[in-house]
N, C-alpha and C. Protein backbone atom coordinates (compact mmCIF):
# COMPACT_ATOMS: atom_id res chain seq x y z
N UNK A 1 129.57 107.56 102.86
CA UNK A 1 130.32 106.38 102.50
C UNK A 1 128.68 105.41 102.97
N UNK A 2 129.09 104.38 102.39
CA UNK A 2 127.97 103.08 102.32
C UNK A 2 128.43 102.45 103.52
N UNK A 3 127.35 101.85 104.36
CA UNK A 3 127.31 100.53 104.91
C UNK A 3 128.74 99.25 104.94
N UNK A 4 128.44 98.85 104.00
CA UNK A 4 129.42 97.86 103.48
C UNK A 4 130.81 98.34 103.58
N UNK A 5 131.12 99.69 102.78
CA UNK A 5 132.30 100.39 102.51
C UNK A 5 132.82 100.58 104.04
N UNK A 6 131.87 100.82 105.22
CA UNK A 6 132.13 100.94 106.58
C UNK A 6 133.03 99.88 107.01
N UNK A 7 132.23 98.97 106.82
CA UNK A 7 132.16 97.32 107.40
C UNK A 7 134.06 96.93 107.03
N UNK A 8 133.64 97.11 106.24
CA UNK A 8 135.71 97.07 105.05
C UNK A 8 136.70 97.50 105.68
N UNK A 9 135.96 99.35 106.01
CA UNK A 9 136.71 100.15 106.66
C UNK A 9 137.56 99.73 108.07
N UNK A 10 136.28 99.45 108.76
CA UNK A 10 136.44 98.53 110.41
C UNK A 10 137.00 97.78 110.47
N UNK A 11 137.01 96.79 109.41
CA UNK A 11 137.80 95.52 109.09
C UNK A 11 139.43 96.05 109.22
N UNK A 12 139.24 96.56 108.16
CA UNK A 12 141.11 96.81 108.02
C UNK A 12 141.62 97.91 109.13
N UNK A 13 140.81 98.61 110.02
CA UNK A 13 141.32 99.37 110.66
C UNK A 13 141.87 98.63 111.81
N UNK A 14 141.04 97.87 112.29
CA UNK A 14 141.02 96.85 113.78
C UNK A 14 142.21 95.77 113.15
N UNK A 15 142.59 95.08 112.12
CA UNK A 15 143.34 94.43 111.79
C UNK A 15 144.45 95.43 112.05
N UNK A 16 144.78 96.40 111.48
CA UNK A 16 146.00 97.19 111.43
C UNK A 16 146.71 97.21 113.06
N UNK A 17 145.34 97.43 113.98
CA UNK A 17 145.86 97.96 115.43
C UNK A 17 146.13 96.75 116.19
N UNK A 18 145.56 95.36 115.63
CA UNK A 18 146.05 93.97 116.40
C UNK A 18 146.99 93.27 115.42
N UNK A 19 147.55 94.22 114.19
CA UNK A 19 148.55 93.39 113.72
C UNK A 19 148.37 92.10 113.36
N UNK A 20 146.99 92.17 112.40
CA UNK A 20 147.22 90.99 111.74
C UNK A 20 146.71 91.00 110.59
N UNK A 21 146.94 89.90 109.74
CA UNK A 21 146.74 90.68 108.13
C UNK A 21 145.21 89.55 107.82
N UNK A 22 144.94 89.52 106.65
CA UNK A 22 143.90 88.58 106.80
C UNK A 22 143.81 87.19 106.69
N UNK A 23 144.79 86.79 106.38
CA UNK A 23 144.43 85.05 106.61
C UNK A 23 144.76 84.59 107.84
N UNK A 24 145.41 85.67 109.34
CA UNK A 24 145.62 85.51 110.44
C UNK A 24 144.06 85.79 110.57
N UNK A 25 143.33 86.65 110.44
CA UNK A 25 142.29 86.86 111.06
C UNK A 25 141.08 85.87 110.55
N UNK A 26 141.32 85.42 109.23
CA UNK A 26 140.45 84.48 108.66
C UNK A 26 140.47 82.69 109.85
N UNK A 27 142.07 82.55 109.90
CA UNK A 27 142.05 81.48 110.92
C UNK A 27 141.35 81.57 112.61
N UNK A 28 142.00 82.95 112.84
CA UNK A 28 141.63 83.33 114.03
C UNK A 28 139.68 82.86 114.41
N UNK A 29 139.19 83.44 113.06
CA UNK A 29 137.57 83.49 113.27
C UNK A 29 137.22 82.01 112.99
N UNK A 30 138.00 81.31 112.33
CA UNK A 30 137.12 80.25 111.88
C UNK A 30 136.87 79.99 110.92
N UNK A 31 136.68 81.23 109.82
CA UNK A 31 136.31 81.01 108.43
C UNK A 31 137.37 80.66 107.11
N UNK A 32 136.48 80.40 106.34
CA UNK A 32 137.28 80.31 105.21
C UNK A 32 137.67 82.18 104.46
N UNK A 33 139.12 81.62 103.90
CA UNK A 33 139.62 82.77 103.71
C UNK A 33 138.90 83.47 102.40
N UNK A 34 138.08 82.54 101.53
CA UNK A 34 137.44 83.20 100.39
C UNK A 34 136.47 83.71 100.93
N UNK A 35 135.37 83.03 102.12
CA UNK A 35 134.38 84.44 102.58
C UNK A 35 135.26 85.82 102.95
N UNK A 36 136.04 85.82 103.86
CA UNK A 36 136.78 87.03 104.13
C UNK A 36 137.28 87.80 102.89
N UNK A 37 138.00 87.50 102.09
CA UNK A 37 138.24 87.84 100.76
C UNK A 37 137.10 88.60 99.88
N UNK A 38 135.72 87.65 100.14
CA UNK A 38 134.47 88.29 99.29
C UNK A 38 134.71 89.23 100.47
N UNK A 39 133.93 89.62 101.45
CA UNK A 39 133.96 90.92 102.24
C UNK A 39 134.37 91.70 101.83
N UNK A 40 135.93 91.42 101.48
CA UNK A 40 136.83 92.85 101.85
C UNK A 40 137.15 93.52 100.30
N UNK A 41 137.05 92.58 99.22
CA UNK A 41 137.10 93.04 98.11
C UNK A 41 135.75 92.92 97.67
N UNK A 42 134.88 93.47 98.35
CA UNK A 42 133.19 94.33 97.81
C UNK A 42 132.48 93.11 97.05
N UNK A 43 132.57 91.70 96.90
CA UNK A 43 132.24 90.96 96.54
C UNK A 43 130.74 90.56 97.28
N UNK A 44 131.05 90.62 98.41
CA UNK A 44 129.79 90.55 99.26
C UNK A 44 128.95 91.74 99.14
N UNK A 45 127.83 91.87 98.77
CA UNK A 45 127.59 93.77 98.73
C UNK A 45 126.44 94.18 100.19
N UNK A 46 126.40 93.14 101.19
CA UNK A 46 125.75 93.11 102.30
C UNK A 46 126.14 92.28 103.24
N UNK A 47 127.16 92.49 103.77
CA UNK A 47 127.89 91.46 104.66
C UNK A 47 126.72 91.30 106.33
N UNK A 48 126.52 89.68 106.33
CA UNK A 48 125.29 89.73 107.65
C UNK A 48 126.14 90.32 108.37
N UNK A 49 125.25 90.15 110.11
CA UNK A 49 125.56 90.29 111.02
C UNK A 49 126.17 89.30 111.72
N UNK A 50 125.90 87.92 111.33
CA UNK A 50 126.64 86.85 111.91
C UNK A 50 127.30 86.92 111.19
N UNK A 51 128.00 86.98 109.92
CA UNK A 51 129.37 86.99 109.78
C UNK A 51 130.18 88.11 110.35
N UNK A 52 129.95 89.30 110.42
CA UNK A 52 130.56 90.05 111.25
C UNK A 52 130.98 90.01 112.81
N UNK A 53 129.71 88.83 113.30
CA UNK A 53 129.87 88.32 114.96
C UNK A 53 131.00 87.47 114.59
N UNK A 54 131.34 86.88 113.60
CA UNK A 54 132.35 86.16 113.27
C UNK A 54 133.96 86.33 113.32
N UNK A 55 133.59 87.61 112.48
CA UNK A 55 134.83 88.33 112.40
C UNK A 55 135.54 89.04 114.08
N UNK A 56 134.43 89.33 114.76
CA UNK A 56 134.74 90.15 115.44
C UNK A 56 135.17 88.92 116.74
N UNK A 57 134.46 87.73 116.67
CA UNK A 57 134.89 86.48 117.58
C UNK A 57 136.82 86.28 117.34
N UNK A 58 137.16 86.67 116.12
CA UNK A 58 138.42 86.18 115.41
C UNK A 58 139.59 87.45 115.95
N UNK A 59 138.77 88.85 116.11
CA UNK A 59 139.14 89.78 116.36
C UNK A 59 139.20 90.00 118.10
N UNK A 60 138.46 89.12 118.69
CA UNK A 60 138.37 89.29 120.33
C UNK A 60 138.12 90.34 120.63
N UNK A 61 136.76 91.14 120.03
CA UNK A 61 136.30 91.90 120.06
C UNK A 61 134.84 91.99 120.25
N UNK A 62 133.57 92.27 120.88
CA UNK A 62 132.44 92.75 120.67
C UNK A 62 131.85 93.09 119.50
N UNK A 63 130.72 92.90 118.78
CA UNK A 63 130.00 93.64 118.31
C UNK A 63 129.91 94.97 118.54
N UNK A 64 129.44 95.30 119.75
CA UNK A 64 129.36 96.54 120.47
C UNK A 64 130.93 97.69 120.32
N UNK A 65 131.84 96.86 120.66
CA UNK A 65 132.86 97.56 120.12
C UNK A 65 133.36 97.73 118.94
N UNK A 66 132.77 97.27 117.99
CA UNK A 66 132.88 96.88 116.52
C UNK A 66 131.88 98.23 116.10
N UNK A 67 130.82 98.33 116.04
CA UNK A 67 129.94 99.06 115.57
C UNK A 67 130.33 100.55 116.43
N UNK A 68 131.07 100.76 117.57
CA UNK A 68 131.55 101.89 118.26
C UNK A 68 132.24 102.78 117.42
N UNK A 69 132.18 103.26 116.48
CA UNK A 69 133.67 104.03 115.71
C UNK A 69 132.52 104.87 114.71
N UNK A 70 133.03 105.96 114.81
CA UNK A 70 132.59 107.49 114.01
C UNK A 70 132.26 106.68 112.57
N UNK A 71 133.33 105.86 111.83
CA UNK A 71 132.65 105.43 110.77
C UNK A 71 130.99 105.31 110.22
N UNK A 72 130.46 104.45 111.77
CA UNK A 72 128.89 104.22 111.79
C UNK A 72 128.19 105.75 111.93
N UNK A 73 128.76 106.24 112.56
CA UNK A 73 127.66 107.32 113.35
C UNK A 73 127.59 108.38 112.50
N UNK A 74 128.28 108.51 111.29
CA UNK A 74 128.31 109.00 110.12
C UNK A 74 127.75 108.91 108.65
N UNK A 75 127.28 107.25 108.61
CA UNK A 75 126.72 107.11 107.15
C UNK A 75 125.41 107.86 106.92
N UNK A 76 125.39 107.81 105.70
CA UNK A 76 123.99 108.38 105.11
C UNK A 76 122.92 107.21 105.19
N UNK A 77 121.88 107.50 104.92
CA UNK A 77 120.83 106.80 104.91
C UNK A 77 120.86 105.86 103.46
N UNK A 78 120.62 104.61 103.23
CA UNK A 78 120.74 104.11 102.02
C UNK A 78 119.67 103.45 101.48
N UNK A 79 118.69 103.82 100.30
CA UNK A 79 117.91 103.53 99.85
C UNK A 79 118.21 103.38 98.27
N UNK A 80 118.01 102.11 98.56
CA UNK A 80 118.67 101.00 96.77
C UNK A 80 117.35 100.57 96.38
């Protein structure tokens, strides 16, 4: 699994845990729905840490909590 895929999967899982849909997350994060949609649909190939932090703020979690997940410990090295 690639990093971007893991980020999307983690966001989906956290939204499910918090009973949020993508519109609610975008609103809580104070970000345009189009930005979140681009991340979630794979149009953004390399989501930046600032964007992930904004998403974390919307989910009311820290960056540390976001990345403390098995998805990120099992990533393969990416060389493109």
